[in-house]
């Protein structure tokens, strides 16, 4: 047990003992004031979390929607083409052996073929 835990336990015990010494009307008044303070701080109608914040701030909602659309556009335009088995089949069944594609002079050979 840390010093903080020990202090919290002693403080809780002291506060609980103080409540036991109060009369019932004082305890009820304190409970009522506490409920009012909590309600004023966190009204139940406002909700909590990101969705409630977006509901209260329409600019943030529009900004979030715009960010989602832009992210989708960026992903679609920058996605790598999918790898397929067809590429392997065409490579292995073509006229050239696979080692030819790894040769450094292959691109020069391709360029010379396209000129004619």
C-alpha atoms as a PDB file:
ATOM      1  CA  UNK A   1       0.000   0.000   0.000  1.00  0.00           C
ATOM      2  CA  UNK A   2       1.450   3.376  -1.004  1.00  0.00           C
ATOM      3  CA  UNK A   3       1.344   6.570   1.010  1.00  0.00           C
ATOM      4  CA  UNK A   4      -1.343   7.939  -1.289  1.00  0.00           C
ATOM      5  CA  UNK A   5      -3.543   4.895  -0.728  1.00  0.00           C
ATOM      6  CA  UNK A   6      -3.042   5.177   3.039  1.00  0.00           C
ATOM      7  CA  UNK A   7      -3.867   8.895   2.966  1.00  0.00           C
ATOM      8  CA  UNK A   8      -7.004   8.272   0.866  1.00  0.00           C
ATOM      9  CA  UNK A   9      -8.164   5.564   3.276  1.00  0.00           C
ATOM     10  CA  UNK A  10      -7.648   7.814   6.316  1.00  0.00           C
ATOM     11  CA  UNK A  11      -9.381  10.751   4.597  1.00  0.00           C
ATOM     12  CA  UNK A  12     -12.350   8.596   3.599  1.00  0.00           C
ATOM     13  CA  UNK A  13     -12.671   7.282   7.134  1.00  0.00           C
ATOM     14  CA  UNK A  14     -12.586  10.819   8.566  1.00  0.00           C
ATOM     15  CA  UNK A  15     -15.176  12.110   6.096  1.00  0.00           C
ATOM     16  CA  UNK A  16     -17.465   9.138   6.681  1.00  0.00           C
ATOM     17  CA  UNK A  17     -17.202   9.732  10.430  1.00  0.00           C
ATOM     18  CA  UNK A  18     -18.075  13.398   9.935  1.00  0.00           C
ATOM     19  CA  UNK A  19     -21.194  12.516   7.947  1.00  0.00           C
ATOM     20  CA  UNK A  20     -22.360  10.189  10.731  1.00  0.00           C
ATOM     21  CA  UNK A  21     -22.215  13.083  13.193  1.00  0.00           C
ATOM     22  CA  UNK A  22     -24.404  15.367  10.993  1.00  0.00           C
ATOM     23  CA  UNK A  23     -28.144  15.500  11.333  1.00  0.00           C
ATOM     24  CA  UNK A  24     -30.348  14.109   8.556  1.00  0.00           C
ATOM     25  CA  UNK A  25     -31.514  17.475   7.200  1.00  0.00           C
ATOM     26  CA  UNK A  26     -27.906  18.648   6.661  1.00  0.00           C
ATOM     27  CA  UNK A  27     -27.001  15.413   4.868  1.00  0.00           C
ATOM     28  CA  UNK A  28     -30.057  15.766   2.612  1.00  0.00           C
ATOM     29  CA  UNK A  29     -29.226  19.403   1.824  1.00  0.00           C
ATOM     30  CA  UNK A  30     -25.628  18.460   0.958  1.00  0.00           C
ATOM     31  CA  UNK A  31     -26.832  15.613  -1.282  1.00  0.00           C
ATOM     32  CA  UNK A  32     -29.276  17.940  -3.032  1.00  0.00           C
ATOM     33  CA  UNK A  33     -26.583  20.577  -3.614  1.00  0.00           C
ATOM     34  CA  UNK A  34     -24.219  17.913  -4.920  1.00  0.00           C
ATOM     35  CA  UNK A  35     -26.834  16.654  -7.399  1.00  0.00           C
ATOM     36  CA  UNK A  36     -27.440  20.221  -8.619  1.00  0.00           C
ATOM     37  CA  UNK A  37     -23.712  20.801  -9.074  1.00  0.00           C
ATOM     38  CA  UNK A  38     -23.245  17.552 -10.997  1.00  0.00           C
ATOM     39  CA  UNK A  39     -26.284  18.289 -13.182  1.00  0.00           C
ATOM     40  CA  UNK A  40     -25.040  21.804 -13.941  1.00  0.00           C
ATOM     41  CA  UNK A  41     -21.591  20.465 -14.804  1.00  0.00           C
ATOM     42  CA  UNK A  42     -22.768  17.509 -16.935  1.00  0.00           C
ATOM     43  CA  UNK A  43     -26.358  17.912 -18.114  1.00  0.00           C
ATOM     44  CA  UNK A  44     -27.893  14.594 -19.126  1.00  0.00           C
ATOM     45  CA  UNK A  45     -29.411  16.084 -22.282  1.00  0.00           C
ATOM     46  CA  UNK A  46     -26.029  17.022 -23.748  1.00  0.00           C
ATOM     47  CA  UNK A  47     -24.542  13.549 -23.768  1.00  0.00           C
ATOM     48  CA  UNK A  48     -20.894  12.644 -23.668  1.00  0.00           C
ATOM     49  CA  UNK A  49     -18.175  11.796 -26.115  1.00  0.00           C
ATOM     50  CA  UNK A  50     -17.255  12.697 -29.641  1.00  0.00           C
ATOM     51  CA  UNK A  51     -20.725  12.303 -31.170  1.00  0.00           C
ATOM     52  CA  UNK A  52     -22.287  14.710 -28.664  1.00  0.00           C
ATOM     53  CA  UNK A  53     -19.514  17.213 -29.326  1.00  0.00           C
ATOM     54  CA  UNK A  54     -20.042  16.927 -33.088  1.00  0.00           C
ATOM     55  CA  UNK A  55     -23.780  17.423 -32.612  1.00  0.00           C
ATOM     56  CA  UNK A  56     -23.167  20.647 -30.670  1.00  0.00           C
ATOM     57  CA  UNK A  57     -20.538  21.973 -33.098  1.00  0.00           C
ATOM     58  CA  UNK A  58     -21.691  21.727 -36.716  1.00  0.00           C
ATOM     59  CA  UNK A  59     -18.380  23.106 -38.011  1.00  0.00           C
ATOM     60  CA  UNK A  60     -16.564  20.142 -36.460  1.00  0.00           C
ATOM     61  CA  UNK A  61     -19.080  17.776 -38.079  1.00  0.00           C
ATOM     62  CA  UNK A  62     -18.482  19.293 -41.488  1.00  0.00           C
ATOM     63  CA  UNK A  63     -14.724  19.177 -40.967  1.00  0.00           C
ATOM     64  CA  UNK A  64     -14.876  15.499 -39.965  1.00  0.00           C
ATOM     65  CA  UNK A  65     -17.021  14.630 -43.002  1.00  0.00           C
ATOM     66  CA  UNK A  66     -14.598  16.482 -45.270  1.00  0.00           C
ATOM     67  CA  UNK A  67     -11.637  14.658 -43.726  1.00  0.00           C
ATOM     68  CA  UNK A  68     -13.322  11.288 -44.298  1.00  0.00           C
ATOM     69  CA  UNK A  69     -14.091  12.110 -47.944  1.00  0.00           C
ATOM     70  CA  UNK A  70     -10.549  13.371 -48.558  1.00  0.00           C
ATOM     71  CA  UNK A  71      -9.065  10.267 -46.903  1.00  0.00           C
ATOM     72  CA  UNK A  72     -11.164   8.024 -49.126  1.00  0.00           C
ATOM     73  CA  UNK A  73     -10.155   9.950 -52.254  1.00  0.00           C
ATOM     74  CA  UNK A  74      -6.478   9.820 -51.280  1.00  0.00           C
ATOM     75  CA  UNK A  75      -6.649   6.081 -50.599  1.00  0.00           C
ATOM     76  CA  UNK A  76      -8.313   5.334 -53.932  1.00  0.00           C
ATOM     77  CA  UNK A  77      -5.808   7.373 -55.925  1.00  0.00           C
ATOM     78  CA  UNK A  78      -2.711   6.184 -54.068  1.00  0.00           C
ATOM     79  CA  UNK A  79      -3.529   2.519 -53.602  1.00  0.00           C
ATOM     80  CA  UNK A  80      -1.102   0.065 -55.152  1.00  0.00           C
ATOM     81  CA  UNK A  81      -2.516  -2.242 -57.811  1.00  0.00           C
ATOM     82  CA  UNK A  82      -3.378  -5.610 -56.419  1.00  0.00           C
ATOM     83  CA  UNK A  83      -0.989  -8.486 -57.055  1.00  0.00           C
ATOM     84  CA  UNK A  84      -2.548 -11.327 -58.935  1.00  0.00           C
ATOM     85  CA  UNK A  85      -1.586 -14.816 -59.954  1.00  0.00           C
ATOM     86  CA  UNK A  86      -2.229 -13.858 -63.565  1.00  0.00           C
ATOM     87  CA  UNK A  87       0.979 -11.824 -63.530  1.00  0.00           C
ATOM     88  CA  UNK A  88       2.961 -14.888 -62.475  1.00  0.00           C
ATOM     89  CA  UNK A  89       1.285 -17.040 -65.104  1.00  0.00           C
ATOM     90  CA  UNK A  90       2.044 -14.561 -67.885  1.00  0.00           C
ATOM     91  CA  UNK A  91       5.633 -14.184 -66.689  1.00  0.00           C
ATOM     92  CA  UNK A  92       6.290 -17.920 -66.499  1.00  0.00           C
ATOM     93  CA  UNK A  93       4.543 -18.868 -69.737  1.00  0.00           C
ATOM     94  CA  UNK A  94       5.897 -16.000 -71.852  1.00  0.00           C
ATOM     95  CA  UNK A  95       8.548 -16.175 -74.573  1.00  0.00           C
ATOM     96  CA  UNK A  96      11.311 -14.844 -72.334  1.00  0.00           C
ATOM     97  CA  UNK A  97      12.732 -16.732 -69.372  1.00  0.00           C
ATOM     98  CA  UNK A  98      12.100 -15.065 -65.951  1.00  0.00           C
ATOM     99  CA  UNK A  99      15.823 -14.281 -65.581  1.00  0.00           C
ATOM    100  CA  UNK A 100      15.599 -11.990 -68.593  1.00  0.00           C
ATOM    101  CA  UNK A 101      13.350  -9.602 -66.675  1.00  0.00           C
ATOM    102  CA  UNK A 102      15.974  -9.289 -63.930  1.00  0.00           C
ATOM    103  CA  UNK A 103      18.727  -8.489 -66.449  1.00  0.00           C
ATOM    104  CA  UNK A 104      19.873  -4.860 -66.359  1.00  0.00           C
ATOM    105  CA  UNK A 105      19.926  -4.618 -70.128  1.00  0.00           C
ATOM    106  CA  UNK A 106      16.330  -5.842 -70.485  1.00  0.00           C
ATOM    107  CA  UNK A 107      14.911  -2.312 -70.411  1.00  0.00           C
ATOM    108  CA  UNK A 108      17.343  -1.339 -73.187  1.00  0.00           C
ATOM    109  CA  UNK A 109      16.197  -4.335 -75.214  1.00  0.00           C
ATOM    110  CA  UNK A 110      12.564  -3.313 -74.712  1.00  0.00           C
ATOM    111  CA  UNK A 111      13.325   0.243 -75.805  1.00  0.00           C
ATOM    112  CA  UNK A 112      15.063  -1.022 -78.944  1.00  0.00           C
ATOM    113  CA  UNK A 113      12.073  -3.216 -79.834  1.00  0.00           C
ATOM    114  CA  UNK A 114       9.559  -0.395 -79.468  1.00  0.00           C
ATOM    115  CA  UNK A 115      11.492   1.842 -81.833  1.00  0.00           C
ATOM    116  CA  UNK A 116      10.836  -0.445 -84.779  1.00  0.00           C
END
